[in-house]
Amino acid sequence: MTTYIIRRLLIMPFILFGVTVLIFAMLTQLSPTQRASLYVRDVPKRQDQLEQLIEQYGLNDPIPQQYVRWIKSLAKGDLGFSKTGKEPVLQVILGRLPATAELALWAMIPIILVGIQLGIFAALHHNRLPDQLLRVFSIVGTSMPSFMAGLLLLMVFAAWLGWLPTGDRLSPIYSRLVDSPDWHRVTGMHTVDALINGNLAVFWDALKHLILPIIALSYISWAVLLRVTRSSMLETLRQEYVTTARAKGLTERVVIQKHARPNAML
């Protein structure tokens, strides 16, 4: 294991170098004029503005020189300016980071709990109807993009059934409350800040808005965890110590919970 970690650490700089070269090569496929025109409106002095931007950012400089300058800016956290966000890219990322972190943290709970339990359940019903259905579920989950799962969830549970909300992270009434000066913004994660502020109404509203994104994000992970856990559990159930535990008269529940499951999770 130590040798493997050292080997991975040694090749990491080369991988990062290759990734940066690939990204920069994609960015420089457009000509300097095309890149500059993305930030210039159609005005009478358009050509003058284009030339000014090209000169300001050195878009006509040799490619190696542009690459070195780009790497230096990247190392300093200067990711450029977002045309759609109307502010530096880093500020756009930081502004949306709390929402991303909140979704990821909440999604970890069902990913771990549901995915592992489905895998164990499938293994215990090997080659029977529940196992067959879960295998279909796994195949669909690994082949369906998360955005497609999200659209289907929105159509069924939001548009057709109307059970869950869509749109922003909060309902309008609670959005105004969160944006007010009386609200103590600590983490930027609405569920966490709602608990800090002692407002359960905002907490439940934020959680309801998270349910569909959590399911869409978790679905693929469920499918992968299901397959891995099922395979590991089936292998464990064939081991001699499991057979011995059953021969001693232990109940199937004890055999699974005390002997098979912990070893399958290793």
Protein backbone atom coordinates (compact mmCIF):
# COMPACT_ATOMS: atom_id res chain seq x y z
CA MET A 1 0.00 0.00 0.00
CA THR A 2 2.82 2.42 0.85
CA THR A 3 4.50 1.72 -2.47
CA TYR A 4 1.23 2.31 -4.30
CA ILE A 5 0.66 5.65 -2.55
CA ILE A 6 4.22 6.81 -3.27
CA ARG A 7 3.89 5.80 -6.91
CA ARG A 8 0.62 7.71 -7.26
CA LEU A 9 2.12 10.80 -5.62
CA LEU A 10 5.10 10.69 -7.98
CA ILE A 11 2.99 10.55 -11.13
CA MET A 12 0.47 13.14 -9.89
CA PRO A 13 2.50 16.18 -11.14
CA PHE A 14 2.67 14.66 -14.63
CA ILE A 15 -1.08 14.01 -14.61
CA LEU A 16 -1.80 17.57 -13.50
CA PHE A 17 0.54 18.91 -16.17
CA GLY A 18 -1.23 16.84 -18.82
CA VAL A 19 -4.64 18.03 -17.65
CA THR A 20 -3.62 21.70 -17.72
CA VAL A 21 -2.11 21.33 -21.19
CA LEU A 22 -5.29 19.68 -22.46
CA ILE A 23 -7.55 22.36 -20.97
CA PHE A 24 -5.36 25.17 -22.28
CA ALA A 25 -5.26 23.58 -25.73
CA MET A 26 -9.07 23.55 -25.76
CA LEU A 27 -9.20 27.18 -24.66
CA THR A 28 -6.83 28.30 -27.40
CA GLN A 29 -8.72 26.62 -30.23
CA LEU A 30 -10.47 29.95 -30.81
CA SER A 31 -8.55 32.78 -32.42
CA PRO A 32 -7.61 35.84 -30.32
CA THR A 33 -10.38 37.85 -32.00
CA GLN A 34 -12.98 35.19 -31.27
CA ARG A 35 -11.97 34.99 -27.62
CA ALA A 36 -11.99 38.74 -27.16
CA SER A 37 -15.32 39.16 -28.98
CA LEU A 38 -17.07 37.21 -26.22
CA TYR A 39 -16.60 40.22 -23.94
CA VAL A 40 -17.30 43.02 -26.41
CA ARG A 41 -20.75 44.29 -27.27
CA ASP A 42 -21.77 45.17 -30.79
CA VAL A 43 -20.94 48.88 -30.67
CA PRO A 44 -19.42 51.31 -33.18
CA LYS A 45 -16.01 51.07 -31.51
CA ARG A 46 -16.07 47.27 -31.41
CA GLN A 47 -12.85 46.81 -33.39
CA ASP A 48 -10.94 49.21 -31.15
CA GLN A 49 -12.18 47.37 -28.05
CA LEU A 50 -11.19 44.03 -29.54
CA GLU A 51 -7.67 45.22 -30.23
CA GLN A 52 -7.45 46.69 -26.73
CA LEU A 53 -8.50 43.40 -25.10
CA ILE A 54 -6.15 41.35 -27.27
CA GLU A 55 -3.28 43.63 -26.31
CA GLN A 56 -4.28 43.79 -22.63
CA TYR A 57 -4.41 40.02 -22.16
CA GLY A 58 -1.62 39.13 -24.58
CA LEU A 59 -3.79 36.93 -26.76
CA ASN A 60 -1.35 37.32 -29.66
CA ASP A 61 1.65 36.24 -27.59
CA PRO A 62 3.34 32.88 -28.31
CA ILE A 63 1.36 29.89 -26.99
CA PRO A 64 4.03 28.82 -24.43
CA GLN A 65 4.10 32.34 -23.02
CA GLN A 66 0.31 32.40 -22.75
CA TYR A 67 0.37 29.00 -21.04
CA VAL A 68 2.90 30.11 -18.39
CA ARG A 69 0.90 33.28 -17.72
CA TRP A 70 -2.31 31.22 -17.45
CA ILE A 71 -0.71 28.78 -14.98
CA LYS A 72 0.55 31.67 -12.83
CA SER A 73 -2.93 33.21 -12.76
CA LEU A 74 -4.43 29.82 -11.94
CA ALA A 75 -2.03 29.36 -9.03
CA LYS A 76 -3.06 32.76 -7.64
CA GLY A 77 -6.77 31.89 -7.89
CA ASP A 78 -7.36 34.22 -10.83
CA LEU A 79 -9.71 32.16 -13.01
CA GLY A 80 -10.76 35.03 -15.24
CA PHE A 81 -14.00 36.97 -15.58
CA SER A 82 -17.43 35.39 -15.99
CA LYS A 83 -19.46 36.95 -18.75
CA THR A 84 -22.74 35.51 -17.48
CA GLY A 85 -22.01 36.14 -13.80
CA LYS A 86 -20.66 39.65 -14.44
CA GLU A 87 -17.92 39.08 -11.85
CA PRO A 88 -14.66 37.13 -11.45
CA VAL A 89 -15.04 33.37 -11.90
CA LEU A 90 -13.65 32.68 -8.42
CA GLN A 91 -16.35 34.86 -6.87
CA VAL A 92 -19.01 33.03 -8.88
CA ILE A 93 -17.69 29.67 -7.62
CA LEU A 94 -17.45 30.83 -4.00
CA GLY A 95 -20.96 32.27 -4.19
CA ARG A 96 -22.38 28.90 -5.20
CA LEU A 97 -20.10 26.75 -3.07
CA PRO A 98 -22.40 26.66 0.02
CA ALA A 99 -25.31 25.31 -2.05
CA THR A 100 -23.06 22.68 -3.63
CA ALA A 101 -21.61 21.64 -0.27
CA GLU A 102 -25.07 21.46 1.28
CA LEU A 103 -26.35 19.19 -1.49
CA ALA A 104 -23.27 16.96 -1.32
CA LEU A 105 -23.44 16.59 2.46
CA TRP A 106 -27.12 15.73 2.51
CA ALA A 107 -26.70 13.31 -0.41
CA MET A 108 -24.03 11.34 1.46
CA ILE A 109 -26.62 10.06 3.94
CA PRO A 110 -28.92 8.22 1.49
CA ILE A 111 -25.99 7.22 -0.73
CA ILE A 112 -24.34 5.25 2.08
CA LEU A 113 -27.43 3.96 3.86
CA VAL A 114 -29.60 3.04 0.87
CA GLY A 115 -26.91 1.82 -1.52
CA ILE A 116 -25.34 -0.63 0.93
CA GLN A 117 -28.69 -1.95 2.17
CA LEU A 118 -29.91 -2.55 -1.39
CA GLY A 119 -26.74 -4.51 -2.16
CA ILE A 120 -27.14 -6.69 0.94
CA PHE A 121 -30.84 -7.23 0.20
CA ALA A 122 -30.06 -8.28 -3.38
CA ALA A 123 -27.38 -10.73 -2.22
CA LEU A 124 -29.72 -12.33 0.33
CA HIS A 125 -32.30 -12.89 -2.44
CA HIS A 126 -29.77 -14.10 -5.00
CA ASN A 127 -31.32 -15.01 -8.38
CA ARG A 128 -34.84 -14.39 -7.08
CA LEU A 129 -37.28 -11.68 -8.14
CA PRO A 130 -35.99 -8.93 -5.76
CA ASP A 131 -32.43 -9.57 -6.96
CA GLN A 132 -33.48 -9.44 -10.61
CA LEU A 133 -35.37 -6.18 -10.12
CA LEU A 134 -32.47 -4.58 -8.27
CA ARG A 135 -30.05 -5.66 -10.98
CA VAL A 136 -32.26 -3.90 -13.54
CA PHE A 137 -32.31 -0.87 -11.22
CA SER A 138 -28.51 -0.98 -11.10
CA ILE A 139 -28.11 -1.23 -14.87
CA VAL A 140 -30.48 1.69 -15.45
CA GLY A 141 -28.76 3.73 -12.74
CA THR A 142 -25.28 3.27 -14.19
CA SER A 143 -26.44 4.11 -17.71
CA MET A 144 -28.73 7.08 -16.99
CA PRO A 145 -27.12 10.54 -16.59
CA SER A 146 -28.02 12.34 -13.38
CA PHE A 147 -29.51 15.30 -15.28
CA MET A 148 -31.96 12.95 -17.04
CA ALA A 149 -32.95 11.41 -13.71
CA GLY A 150 -33.44 14.93 -12.39
CA LEU A 151 -35.74 15.88 -15.27
CA LEU A 152 -37.83 12.73 -14.80
CA LEU A 153 -38.14 13.41 -11.08
CA LEU A 154 -39.24 16.99 -11.76
CA MET A 155 -41.85 15.84 -14.27
CA VAL A 156 -43.34 13.19 -11.97
CA PHE A 157 -43.09 14.56 -8.43
CA ALA A 158 -43.19 18.31 -9.12
CA ALA A 159 -45.10 18.91 -12.37
CA TRP A 160 -47.58 16.01 -12.36
CA LEU A 161 -48.09 15.14 -8.70
CA GLY A 162 -47.13 18.50 -7.20
CA TRP A 163 -45.66 16.87 -4.11
CA LEU A 164 -42.35 18.71 -4.08
CA PRO A 165 -41.29 22.26 -5.00
CA THR A 166 -39.08 23.33 -7.89
CA GLY A 167 -37.04 26.40 -8.67
CA ASP A 168 -34.74 28.09 -6.20
CA ARG A 169 -33.35 26.78 -2.92
CA LEU A 170 -36.21 28.29 -0.89
CA SER A 171 -39.79 29.41 -1.35
CA PRO A 172 -40.13 33.18 -2.03
CA ILE A 173 -41.43 33.98 1.45
CA TYR A 174 -38.44 32.31 3.10
CA SER A 175 -35.98 33.72 0.56
CA ARG A 176 -36.96 37.22 1.67
CA LEU A 177 -36.44 36.21 5.29
CA VAL A 178 -32.99 34.75 4.59
CA ASP A 179 -31.96 37.88 2.68
CA SER A 180 -33.11 40.21 5.45
CA PRO A 181 -30.64 41.86 7.88
CA ASP A 182 -32.23 39.96 10.80
CA TRP A 183 -31.03 36.62 9.43
CA HIS A 184 -27.67 35.40 10.75
CA ARG A 185 -25.84 33.98 7.72
CA VAL A 186 -23.08 31.72 9.04
CA THR A 187 -22.39 28.96 6.50
CA GLY A 188 -24.53 29.89 3.50
CA MET A 189 -26.16 26.45 3.75
CA HIS A 190 -29.84 27.14 4.38
CA THR A 191 -30.55 23.98 6.38
CA VAL A 192 -27.61 24.58 8.71
CA ASP A 193 -28.22 28.32 9.06
CA ALA A 194 -31.91 27.64 9.75
CA LEU A 195 -30.99 25.44 12.70
CA ILE A 196 -28.50 28.04 13.93
CA ASN A 197 -31.25 30.67 13.74
CA GLY A 198 -33.74 28.30 15.36
CA ASN A 199 -36.17 28.51 12.45
CA LEU A 200 -37.55 25.04 11.66
CA ALA A 201 -39.91 26.39 8.98
CA VAL A 202 -36.95 27.52 6.87
CA PHE A 203 -35.17 24.23 7.59
CA TRP A 204 -38.05 22.08 6.33
CA ASP A 205 -38.62 24.30 3.31
CA ALA A 206 -34.93 24.12 2.35
CA LEU A 207 -34.95 20.35 2.89
CA LYS A 208 -38.02 19.91 0.67
CA HIS A 209 -36.22 21.81 -2.10
CA LEU A 210 -33.25 19.45 -1.67
CA ILE A 211 -35.14 16.15 -1.90
CA LEU A 212 -35.30 15.86 -5.69
CA PRO A 213 -31.67 16.96 -6.27
CA ILE A 214 -30.53 14.53 -3.57
CA ILE A 215 -32.35 11.62 -5.22
CA ALA A 216 -31.02 12.55 -8.67
CA LEU A 217 -27.48 12.80 -7.31
CA SER A 218 -27.75 9.63 -5.23
CA TYR A 219 -29.30 7.41 -7.90
CA ILE A 220 -26.07 6.68 -9.77
CA SER A 221 -24.17 6.08 -6.53
CA TRP A 222 -26.90 3.72 -5.34
CA ALA A 223 -26.53 1.69 -8.51
CA VAL A 224 -22.74 1.45 -8.17
CA LEU A 225 -22.80 0.69 -4.43
CA LEU A 226 -25.52 -1.89 -4.98
CA ARG A 227 -23.39 -3.83 -7.46
CA VAL A 228 -20.23 -3.65 -5.36
CA THR A 229 -21.96 -4.57 -2.10
CA ARG A 230 -23.96 -7.38 -3.72
CA SER A 231 -20.82 -8.92 -5.21
CA SER A 232 -18.90 -8.66 -1.93
CA MET A 233 -21.80 -10.03 0.09
CA LEU A 234 -22.28 -13.02 -2.23
CA GLU A 235 -18.59 -13.85 -1.95
CA THR A 236 -18.72 -13.58 1.85
CA LEU A 237 -21.80 -15.80 2.12
CA ARG A 238 -19.87 -18.58 0.38
CA GLN A 239 -17.04 -18.53 2.93
CA GLU A 240 -16.53 -21.48 5.26
CA TYR A 241 -16.88 -19.46 8.47
CA VAL A 242 -20.41 -18.46 7.41
CA THR A 243 -21.28 -22.11 6.78
CA THR A 244 -19.80 -23.00 10.16
CA ALA A 245 -21.84 -20.31 11.91
CA ARG A 246 -25.02 -21.70 10.35
CA ALA A 247 -24.02 -25.26 11.30
CA LYS A 248 -23.70 -24.15 14.93
CA GLY A 249 -27.38 -23.27 14.91
CA LEU A 250 -27.08 -19.49 14.83
CA THR A 251 -30.09 -17.70 13.43
CA GLU A 252 -29.83 -16.33 9.92
CA ARG A 253 -30.10 -12.78 11.27
CA VAL A 254 -27.11 -13.29 13.57
CA VAL A 255 -25.11 -14.92 10.78
CA ILE A 256 -25.78 -11.99 8.46
CA GLN A 257 -25.42 -9.14 10.98
CA LYS A 258 -22.51 -10.47 13.07
CA HIS A 259 -20.47 -12.51 10.61
CA ALA A 260 -21.27 -11.86 6.94
CA ARG A 261 -22.10 -8.16 6.78
CA PRO A 262 -19.06 -6.75 8.66
CA ASN A 263 -16.65 -8.79 6.54
CA ALA A 264 -18.42 -7.90 3.30
CA MET A 265 -17.93 -4.21 4.12
CA LEU A 266 -14.14 -4.54 4.36
